[in-house]
Amino acid sequence: MEAELPAAGFTLDDQGQLWACSGTHRTWVVASQDCDLNDWETTRTEPLVELRTRITAKDPDTEWGIRSRVVRLTETEGVHSDSAPLRISPAALVASAQPANVITPARAIAFKTWLGRRYDRPAVPDDQVTLAKDIASRARRPSRRGFAVDLHDVLIQFDDQTTPPTFLLFAVIVDGTDKEVARRWLTEVGMAVPDRLGVLGGVDAGYRSETSLELIESSYSADLSGLSWSGPHPYGAL
C-alpha cells in the first residue's frame, strides 16, 4: 500500500538525552495476522493494524528469505526485520491507502512464514483453517500410530483451485529415519482427512539438510502450536 505516513523511533544523543528519529515513508505492507484482519470492522478507529516499511533492494540478485533479516516481497522490494512497525486504525487504512506493487500469493505465504519464524505469529488463510486444524491434529504423534518416525515438522501446501481443495504433505525428518516409513505414515495421515475438507494430492519426506528454503517459504507448518485462526479456539499456541 502507498500512503505518506510517519516512520519514527527513539535513540540517545551524545549527551545521553532521548532523541526522536522521525521522518516519513510512503510504501508499506500490512503485517497483521489474517485472523485479526478478518475480525476487525473497517469502521474501527483504534490503531490496530500493523504496517511495516517496504524497502528497495540494493542488489536485486540477493537471495532474501526465511533465514535472512530481510524477506523479499517483490523482485525489487522487501521488509527488514529491524524496521519499526507502525499502527494504524482500520478506518484510516481504508481511507488513506492506495495500492502499491502487488505481492503474489507465493510471496505472501513467504512473508507470513518469515513473520511466523522470526516473531512466532504465523497465520493460516481463513478458508483453509478447518483443513489445517484437522491435518495438524492427526500429524502430532506418529509413534501412536505404530510408525517409528523421528519428526521435525510436517509442511502443508494447499491448492484451492479445486473443491474441496487438494493438499500436499511433506515430512521433515531426523537424519537416519526411514523415508519410506515416513511417507507411509504421512499417507495415512492425509488419507484420514475427511473428503469434505480436502483431498490428499501427494506426500514426500526428507531430512532437514534436504529441505529447501523454497519449500519452507511456500508451505505452512502443521505444528498445532504454530497455527492461529479466528473463532473461539484454538488461538495461538496450544
C-alpha atoms as a PDB file:
ATOM      1  CA  MET A   1       0.000   0.000   0.000  1.00  0.00           C
ATOM      2  CA  GLU A   2       1.050   3.608  -0.501  1.00  0.00           C
ATOM      3  CA  ALA A   3       0.388   6.415   1.968  1.00  0.00           C
ATOM      4  CA  GLU A   4       2.655   9.129   3.325  1.00  0.00           C
ATOM      5  CA  LEU A   5       2.894   8.120   6.999  1.00  0.00           C
ATOM      6  CA  PRO A   6       5.342   8.848   9.831  1.00  0.00           C
ATOM      7  CA  ALA A   7       8.203   6.417  10.458  1.00  0.00           C
ATOM      8  CA  ALA A   8       9.666   7.159  13.878  1.00  0.00           C
ATOM      9  CA  GLY A   9      11.820   5.744  16.643  1.00  0.00           C
ATOM     10  CA  PHE A  10      13.910   6.928  19.585  1.00  0.00           C
ATOM     11  CA  THR A  11      17.616   6.900  20.417  1.00  0.00           C
ATOM     12  CA  LEU A  12      20.107   8.674  22.722  1.00  0.00           C
ATOM     13  CA  ASP A  13      22.286  11.584  21.614  1.00  0.00           C
ATOM     14  CA  ASP A  14      25.912  12.149  22.685  1.00  0.00           C
ATOM     15  CA  GLN A  15      24.721  13.742  25.921  1.00  0.00           C
ATOM     16  CA  GLY A  16      22.523  10.797  26.809  1.00  0.00           C
ATOM     17  CA  GLN A  17      19.312  12.649  26.013  1.00  0.00           C
ATOM     18  CA  LEU A  18      16.370  10.881  24.406  1.00  0.00           C
ATOM     19  CA  TRP A  19      16.048  11.926  20.787  1.00  0.00           C
ATOM     20  CA  ALA A  20      13.264  11.181  18.328  1.00  0.00           C
ATOM     21  CA  CYS A  21      14.315   9.868  14.929  1.00  0.00           C
ATOM     22  CA  SER A  22      11.383  10.858  12.785  1.00  0.00           C
ATOM     23  CA  GLY A  23      10.576  11.044   9.118  1.00  0.00           C
ATOM     24  CA  THR A  24       8.005   9.782   6.669  1.00  0.00           C
ATOM     25  CA  HIS A  25       7.755   6.738   4.472  1.00  0.00           C
ATOM     26  CA  ARG A  26       5.428   6.160   1.569  1.00  0.00           C
ATOM     27  CA  THR A  27       5.375   2.426   0.759  1.00  0.00           C
ATOM     28  CA  TRP A  28       4.131  -0.079   3.356  1.00  0.00           C
ATOM     29  CA  VAL A  29       2.897  -3.625   3.729  1.00  0.00           C
ATOM     30  CA  VAL A  30       0.235  -4.884   6.155  1.00  0.00           C
ATOM     31  CA  ALA A  31       1.843  -7.261   8.695  1.00  0.00           C
ATOM     32  CA  SER A  32      -1.143  -8.098  10.920  1.00  0.00           C
ATOM     33  CA  GLN A  33      -2.405 -11.666  11.016  1.00  0.00           C
ATOM     34  CA  ASP A  34      -5.162 -12.672   8.613  1.00  0.00           C
ATOM     35  CA  CYS A  35      -7.334 -13.825  11.512  1.00  0.00           C
ATOM     36  CA  ASP A  36      -7.093 -10.381  13.143  1.00  0.00           C
ATOM     37  CA  LEU A  37      -7.841  -8.542   9.913  1.00  0.00           C
ATOM     38  CA  ASN A  38     -10.876 -10.758   9.411  1.00  0.00           C
ATOM     39  CA  ASP A  39     -12.249  -9.775  12.831  1.00  0.00           C
ATOM     40  CA  TRP A  40     -11.755  -6.001  12.614  1.00  0.00           C
ATOM     41  CA  GLU A  41     -14.524  -3.835  11.197  1.00  0.00           C
ATOM     42  CA  THR A  42     -13.361  -1.265   8.651  1.00  0.00           C
ATOM     43  CA  THR A  43     -15.002   1.480  10.719  1.00  0.00           C
ATOM     44  CA  ARG A  44     -12.911   0.868  13.858  1.00  0.00           C
ATOM     45  CA  THR A  45     -10.805   3.852  14.909  1.00  0.00           C
ATOM     46  CA  GLU A  46      -8.284   2.205  17.260  1.00  0.00           C
ATOM     47  CA  PRO A  47      -4.727   1.824  15.884  1.00  0.00           C
ATOM     48  CA  LEU A  48      -4.933  -1.954  15.411  1.00  0.00           C
ATOM     49  CA  VAL A  49      -3.377  -2.763  12.035  1.00  0.00           C
ATOM     50  CA  GLU A  50       0.385  -3.258  11.943  1.00  0.00           C
ATOM     51  CA  LEU A  51       2.288  -1.847   8.969  1.00  0.00           C
ATOM     52  CA  ARG A  52       5.935  -2.422   8.058  1.00  0.00           C
ATOM     53  CA  THR A  53       8.001  -0.256   5.716  1.00  0.00           C
ATOM     54  CA  ARG A  54       8.826  -1.711   2.324  1.00  0.00           C
ATOM     55  CA  ILE A  55      12.455  -1.155   1.330  1.00  0.00           C
ATOM     56  CA  THR A  56      14.102  -1.258  -2.086  1.00  0.00           C
ATOM     57  CA  ALA A  57      16.709  -3.924  -2.760  1.00  0.00           C
ATOM     58  CA  LYS A  58      20.218  -2.524  -3.250  1.00  0.00           C
ATOM     59  CA  ASP A  59      21.133  -5.735  -5.054  1.00  0.00           C
ATOM     60  CA  PRO A  60      18.120  -7.332  -6.788  1.00  0.00           C
ATOM     61  CA  ASP A  61      20.080 -10.601  -7.151  1.00  0.00           C
ATOM     62  CA  THR A  62      20.492 -11.027  -3.386  1.00  0.00           C
ATOM     63  CA  GLU A  63      18.502 -14.003  -2.103  1.00  0.00           C
ATOM     64  CA  TRP A  64      16.258 -12.809   0.713  1.00  0.00           C
ATOM     65  CA  GLY A  65      14.373 -15.417   2.654  1.00  0.00           C
ATOM     66  CA  ILE A  66      13.396 -17.201   5.818  1.00  0.00           C
ATOM     67  CA  ARG A  67      16.846 -17.110   7.434  1.00  0.00           C
ATOM     68  CA  SER A  68      17.620 -13.583   6.339  1.00  0.00           C
ATOM     69  CA  ARG A  69      16.947 -10.337   8.184  1.00  0.00           C
ATOM     70  CA  VAL A  70      15.170  -9.239   5.023  1.00  0.00           C
ATOM     71  CA  VAL A  71      12.313 -11.001   3.238  1.00  0.00           C
ATOM     72  CA  ARG A  72      11.517 -10.402  -0.418  1.00  0.00           C
ATOM     73  CA  LEU A  73       8.024  -9.143  -1.296  1.00  0.00           C
ATOM     74  CA  THR A  74       8.646  -8.458  -4.989  1.00  0.00           C
ATOM     75  CA  GLU A  75      11.709  -8.638  -7.211  1.00  0.00           C
ATOM     76  CA  THR A  76      12.815  -5.207  -6.021  1.00  0.00           C
ATOM     77  CA  GLU A  77      11.192  -4.696  -2.597  1.00  0.00           C
ATOM     78  CA  GLY A  78      11.273  -6.325   0.806  1.00  0.00           C
ATOM     79  CA  VAL A  79      10.865  -5.864   4.556  1.00  0.00           C
ATOM     80  CA  HIS A  80      13.741  -5.614   7.034  1.00  0.00           C
ATOM     81  CA  SER A  81      13.342  -7.169  10.483  1.00  0.00           C
ATOM     82  CA  ASP A  82      14.814  -4.046  12.132  1.00  0.00           C
ATOM     83  CA  SER A  83      12.217  -1.670  10.709  1.00  0.00           C
ATOM     84  CA  ALA A  84       9.906  -0.257  13.380  1.00  0.00           C
ATOM     85  CA  PRO A  85       6.224  -1.179  12.971  1.00  0.00           C
ATOM     86  CA  LEU A  86       3.510   1.457  12.672  1.00  0.00           C
ATOM     87  CA  ARG A  87      -0.043   1.009  13.931  1.00  0.00           C
ATOM     88  CA  ILE A  88      -2.984   2.479  12.053  1.00  0.00           C
ATOM     89  CA  SER A  89      -6.736   2.154  12.526  1.00  0.00           C
ATOM     90  CA  PRO A  90      -8.737   0.067  10.043  1.00  0.00           C
ATOM     91  CA  ALA A  91     -10.788   3.178   9.196  1.00  0.00           C
ATOM     92  CA  ALA A  92      -7.683   5.269   8.450  1.00  0.00           C
ATOM     93  CA  LEU A  93      -6.158   2.437   6.427  1.00  0.00           C
ATOM     94  CA  VAL A  94      -9.229   2.135   4.223  1.00  0.00           C
ATOM     95  CA  ALA A  95      -9.495   5.913   3.795  1.00  0.00           C
ATOM     96  CA  SER A  96      -5.857   6.711   3.014  1.00  0.00           C
ATOM     97  CA  ALA A  97      -4.200   3.669   1.461  1.00  0.00           C
ATOM     98  CA  GLN A  98      -3.506   3.347  -2.245  1.00  0.00           C
ATOM     99  CA  PRO A  99      -2.427   0.066  -3.897  1.00  0.00           C
ATOM    100  CA  ALA A 100       1.326  -0.481  -4.215  1.00  0.00           C
ATOM    101  CA  ASN A 101       3.206  -3.179  -6.130  1.00  0.00           C
ATOM    102  CA  VAL A 102       1.134  -6.363  -5.880  1.00  0.00           C
ATOM    103  CA  ILE A 103       2.525  -9.256  -3.829  1.00  0.00           C
ATOM    104  CA  THR A 104       1.950 -12.651  -5.441  1.00  0.00           C
ATOM    105  CA  PRO A 105       0.240 -15.396  -3.392  1.00  0.00           C
ATOM    106  CA  ALA A 106       3.560 -17.283  -3.157  1.00  0.00           C
ATOM    107  CA  ARG A 107       5.369 -14.206  -1.828  1.00  0.00           C
ATOM    108  CA  ALA A 108       2.506 -13.561   0.625  1.00  0.00           C
ATOM    109  CA  ILE A 109       2.983 -17.065   2.054  1.00  0.00           C
ATOM    110  CA  ALA A 110       6.754 -16.465   2.248  1.00  0.00           C
ATOM    111  CA  PHE A 111       6.147 -13.200   4.122  1.00  0.00           C
ATOM    112  CA  LYS A 112       3.765 -14.833   6.617  1.00  0.00           C
ATOM    113  CA  THR A 113       6.201 -17.694   7.139  1.00  0.00           C
ATOM    114  CA  TRP A 114       9.052 -15.239   7.721  1.00  0.00           C
ATOM    115  CA  LEU A 115       6.960 -13.315  10.242  1.00  0.00           C
ATOM    116  CA  GLY A 116       5.997 -16.543  11.950  1.00  0.00           C
ATOM    117  CA  ARG A 117       9.535 -17.909  12.149  1.00  0.00           C
ATOM    118  CA  ARG A 118      11.025 -14.616  13.332  1.00  0.00           C
ATOM    119  CA  TYR A 119       8.153 -13.391  15.514  1.00  0.00           C
ATOM    120  CA  ASP A 120       6.189 -16.564  16.287  1.00  0.00           C
ATOM    121  CA  ARG A 121       2.952 -15.349  14.691  1.00  0.00           C
ATOM    122  CA  PRO A 122       2.076 -17.392  11.596  1.00  0.00           C
ATOM    123  CA  ALA A 123      -1.494 -17.463  10.354  1.00  0.00           C
ATOM    124  CA  VAL A 124      -3.454 -19.856   8.157  1.00  0.00           C
ATOM    125  CA  PRO A 125      -5.751 -18.458   5.426  1.00  0.00           C
ATOM    126  CA  ASP A 126      -9.340 -18.286   6.654  1.00  0.00           C
ATOM    127  CA  ASP A 127     -10.646 -20.688   4.035  1.00  0.00           C
ATOM    128  CA  GLN A 128      -8.062 -23.365   4.946  1.00  0.00           C
ATOM    129  CA  VAL A 129      -8.362 -23.170   8.744  1.00  0.00           C
ATOM    130  CA  THR A 130     -10.566 -26.239   9.268  1.00  0.00           C
ATOM    131  CA  LEU A 131      -8.435 -28.347   6.935  1.00  0.00           C
ATOM    132  CA  ALA A 132      -5.164 -27.189   8.542  1.00  0.00           C
ATOM    133  CA  LYS A 133      -6.541 -27.892  12.010  1.00  0.00           C
ATOM    134  CA  ASP A 134      -7.586 -31.417  11.017  1.00  0.00           C
ATOM    135  CA  ILE A 135      -4.186 -32.221   9.442  1.00  0.00           C
ATOM    136  CA  ALA A 136      -2.345 -30.790  12.449  1.00  0.00           C
ATOM    137  CA  SER A 137      -4.354 -32.846  14.933  1.00  0.00           C
ATOM    138  CA  ARG A 138      -3.574 -36.062  13.004  1.00  0.00           C
ATOM    139  CA  ALA A 139       0.120 -35.315  12.473  1.00  0.00           C
ATOM    140  CA  ARG A 140       1.135 -34.633  16.061  1.00  0.00           C
ATOM    141  CA  ARG A 141       2.365 -38.037  17.270  1.00  0.00           C
ATOM    142  CA  PRO A 142       3.431 -40.588  14.638  1.00  0.00           C
ATOM    143  CA  SER A 143       4.594 -43.059  17.314  1.00  0.00           C
ATOM    144  CA  ARG A 144       0.976 -43.516  18.455  1.00  0.00           C
ATOM    145  CA  ARG A 145       0.152 -44.941  15.031  1.00  0.00           C
ATOM    146  CA  GLY A 146       2.921 -47.541  15.216  1.00  0.00           C
ATOM    147  CA  PHE A 147       5.354 -45.736  12.896  1.00  0.00           C
ATOM    148  CA  ALA A 148       8.938 -45.118  14.073  1.00  0.00           C
ATOM    149  CA  VAL A 149       9.218 -41.624  12.634  1.00  0.00           C
ATOM    150  CA  ASP A 150      11.514 -39.052  14.250  1.00  0.00           C
ATOM    151  CA  LEU A 151       9.809 -35.885  13.097  1.00  0.00           C
ATOM    152  CA  HIS A 152      10.853 -32.238  12.978  1.00  0.00           C
ATOM    153  CA  ASP A 153       7.791 -30.879  11.224  1.00  0.00           C
ATOM    154  CA  VAL A 154       5.069 -31.549   8.675  1.00  0.00           C
ATOM    155  CA  LEU A 155       4.698 -28.922   5.960  1.00  0.00           C
ATOM    156  CA  ILE A 156       1.415 -28.351   4.111  1.00  0.00           C
ATOM    157  CA  GLN A 157       0.744 -26.833   0.713  1.00  0.00           C
ATOM    158  CA  PHE A 158      -2.802 -26.028  -0.415  1.00  0.00           C
ATOM    159  CA  ASP A 159      -4.297 -25.879  -3.897  1.00  0.00           C
ATOM    160  CA  ASP A 160      -7.571 -24.022  -3.508  1.00  0.00           C
ATOM    161  CA  GLN A 161      -8.358 -24.117  -7.230  1.00  0.00           C
ATOM    162  CA  THR A 162     -10.315 -27.313  -6.631  1.00  0.00           C
ATOM    163  CA  THR A 163     -13.376 -28.005  -4.472  1.00  0.00           C
ATOM    164  CA  PRO A 164     -12.660 -29.444  -1.997  1.00  0.00           C
ATOM    165  CA  PRO A 165      -9.063 -28.198  -2.000  1.00  0.00           C
ATOM    166  CA  THR A 166      -6.123 -30.504  -2.703  1.00  0.00           C
ATOM    167  CA  PHE A 167      -3.262 -30.566  -0.211  1.00  0.00           C
ATOM    168  CA  LEU A 168       0.320 -31.859  -0.305  1.00  0.00           C
ATOM    169  CA  LEU A 169       2.238 -33.032   2.781  1.00  0.00           C
ATOM    170  CA  PHE A 170       5.992 -33.075   3.378  1.00  0.00           C
ATOM    171  CA  ALA A 171       7.599 -34.648   6.448  1.00  0.00           C
ATOM    172  CA  VAL A 172      10.850 -33.065   7.653  1.00  0.00           C
ATOM    173  CA  ILE A 173      12.535 -35.947   9.492  1.00  0.00           C
ATOM    174  CA  VAL A 174      15.612 -36.598  11.624  1.00  0.00           C
ATOM    175  CA  ASP A 175      18.647 -37.893   9.746  1.00  0.00           C
ATOM    176  CA  GLY A 176      18.607 -41.678   9.669  1.00  0.00           C
ATOM    177  CA  THR A 177      14.830 -42.015   9.827  1.00  0.00           C
ATOM    178  CA  ASP A 178      13.448 -44.350   7.165  1.00  0.00           C
ATOM    179  CA  LYS A 179      11.967 -42.122   4.461  1.00  0.00           C
ATOM    180  CA  GLU A 180       9.642 -44.816   3.167  1.00  0.00           C
ATOM    181  CA  VAL A 181       8.208 -45.363   6.659  1.00  0.00           C
ATOM    182  CA  ALA A 182       7.713 -41.606   6.962  1.00  0.00           C
ATOM    183  CA  ARG A 183       5.927 -41.498   3.611  1.00  0.00           C
ATOM    184  CA  ARG A 184       3.605 -44.365   4.599  1.00  0.00           C
ATOM    185  CA  TRP A 185       2.765 -42.649   7.876  1.00  0.00           C
ATOM    186  CA  LEU A 186       2.154 -39.332   6.123  1.00  0.00           C
ATOM    187  CA  THR A 187      -0.073 -41.049   3.558  1.00  0.00           C
ATOM    188  CA  GLU A 188      -2.160 -42.494   6.395  1.00  0.00           C
ATOM    189  CA  VAL A 189      -2.434 -39.031   7.963  1.00  0.00           C
ATOM    190  CA  GLY A 190      -3.546 -37.471   4.679  1.00  0.00           C
ATOM    191  CA  MET A 191      -5.974 -40.239   3.768  1.00  0.00           C
ATOM    192  CA  ALA A 192      -7.661 -39.914   7.173  1.00  0.00           C
ATOM    193  CA  VAL A 193      -8.664 -36.312   6.446  1.00  0.00           C
ATOM    194  CA  PRO A 194     -12.397 -36.181   5.567  1.00  0.00           C
ATOM    195  CA  ASP A 195     -13.008 -35.703   1.838  1.00  0.00           C
ATOM    196  CA  ARG A 196     -15.335 -32.775   2.556  1.00  0.00           C
ATOM    197  CA  LEU A 197     -12.325 -30.834   3.938  1.00  0.00           C
ATOM    198  CA  GLY A 198      -9.653 -31.706   1.404  1.00  0.00           C
ATOM    199  CA  VAL A 199      -8.129 -34.365  -0.824  1.00  0.00           C
ATOM    200  CA  LEU A 200      -4.563 -35.617  -0.446  1.00  0.00           C
ATOM    201  CA  GLY A 201      -2.602 -34.835  -3.594  1.00  0.00           C
ATOM    202  CA  GLY A 202       0.745 -36.350  -2.627  1.00  0.00           C
ATOM    203  CA  VAL A 203       3.314 -36.885   0.124  1.00  0.00           C
ATOM    204  CA  ASP A 204       7.082 -36.832   0.442  1.00  0.00           C
ATOM    205  CA  ALA A 205       9.713 -36.910   3.161  1.00  0.00           C
ATOM    206  CA  GLY A 206      13.241 -35.580   3.519  1.00  0.00           C
ATOM    207  CA  TYR A 207      15.920 -34.840   6.061  1.00  0.00           C
ATOM    208  CA  ARG A 208      16.385 -31.312   7.393  1.00  0.00           C
ATOM    209  CA  SER A 209      19.511 -30.899   5.261  1.00  0.00           C
ATOM    210  CA  GLU A 210      17.436 -31.734   2.172  1.00  0.00           C
ATOM    211  CA  THR A 211      14.565 -29.357   2.937  1.00  0.00           C
ATOM    212  CA  SER A 212      14.909 -26.261   0.780  1.00  0.00           C
ATOM    213  CA  LEU A 213      14.119 -22.736   1.896  1.00  0.00           C
ATOM    214  CA  GLU A 214      11.836 -22.518  -1.132  1.00  0.00           C
ATOM    215  CA  LEU A 215       9.730 -25.371   0.269  1.00  0.00           C
ATOM    216  CA  ILE A 216       9.633 -23.829   3.756  1.00  0.00           C
ATOM    217  CA  GLU A 217       8.662 -20.415   2.385  1.00  0.00           C
ATOM    218  CA  SER A 218       5.845 -21.795   0.237  1.00  0.00           C
ATOM    219  CA  SER A 219       4.336 -24.077   2.916  1.00  0.00           C
ATOM    220  CA  TYR A 220       2.506 -23.884   6.224  1.00  0.00           C
ATOM    221  CA  SER A 221       3.634 -25.806   9.287  1.00  0.00           C
ATOM    222  CA  ALA A 222       1.271 -28.464  10.654  1.00  0.00           C
ATOM    223  CA  ASP A 223       2.569 -27.860  14.183  1.00  0.00           C
ATOM    224  CA  LEU A 224      -0.587 -27.045  16.175  1.00  0.00           C
ATOM    225  CA  SER A 225       1.382 -24.702  18.443  1.00  0.00           C
ATOM    226  CA  GLY A 226       2.277 -22.610  15.410  1.00  0.00           C
ATOM    227  CA  LEU A 227      -1.178 -22.103  13.951  1.00  0.00           C
ATOM    228  CA  SER A 228      -3.707 -19.397  14.756  1.00  0.00           C
ATOM    229  CA  TRP A 229      -7.136 -18.551  13.448  1.00  0.00           C
ATOM    230  CA  SER A 230     -10.291 -16.658  14.304  1.00  0.00           C
ATOM    231  CA  GLY A 231     -13.056 -18.181  16.349  1.00  0.00           C
ATOM    232  CA  PRO A 232     -13.348 -19.185  19.988  1.00  0.00           C
ATOM    233  CA  HIS A 233     -10.410 -21.602  19.839  1.00  0.00           C
ATOM    234  CA  PRO A 234      -7.717 -22.617  19.236  1.00  0.00           C
ATOM    235  CA  TYR A 235      -5.805 -19.331  19.076  1.00  0.00           C
ATOM    236  CA  GLY A 236      -2.036 -19.056  19.181  1.00  0.00           C
ATOM    237  CA  ALA A 237      -0.044 -21.731  20.996  1.00  0.00           C
ATOM    238  CA  LEU A 238      -1.902 -24.689  22.459  1.00  0.00           C
END
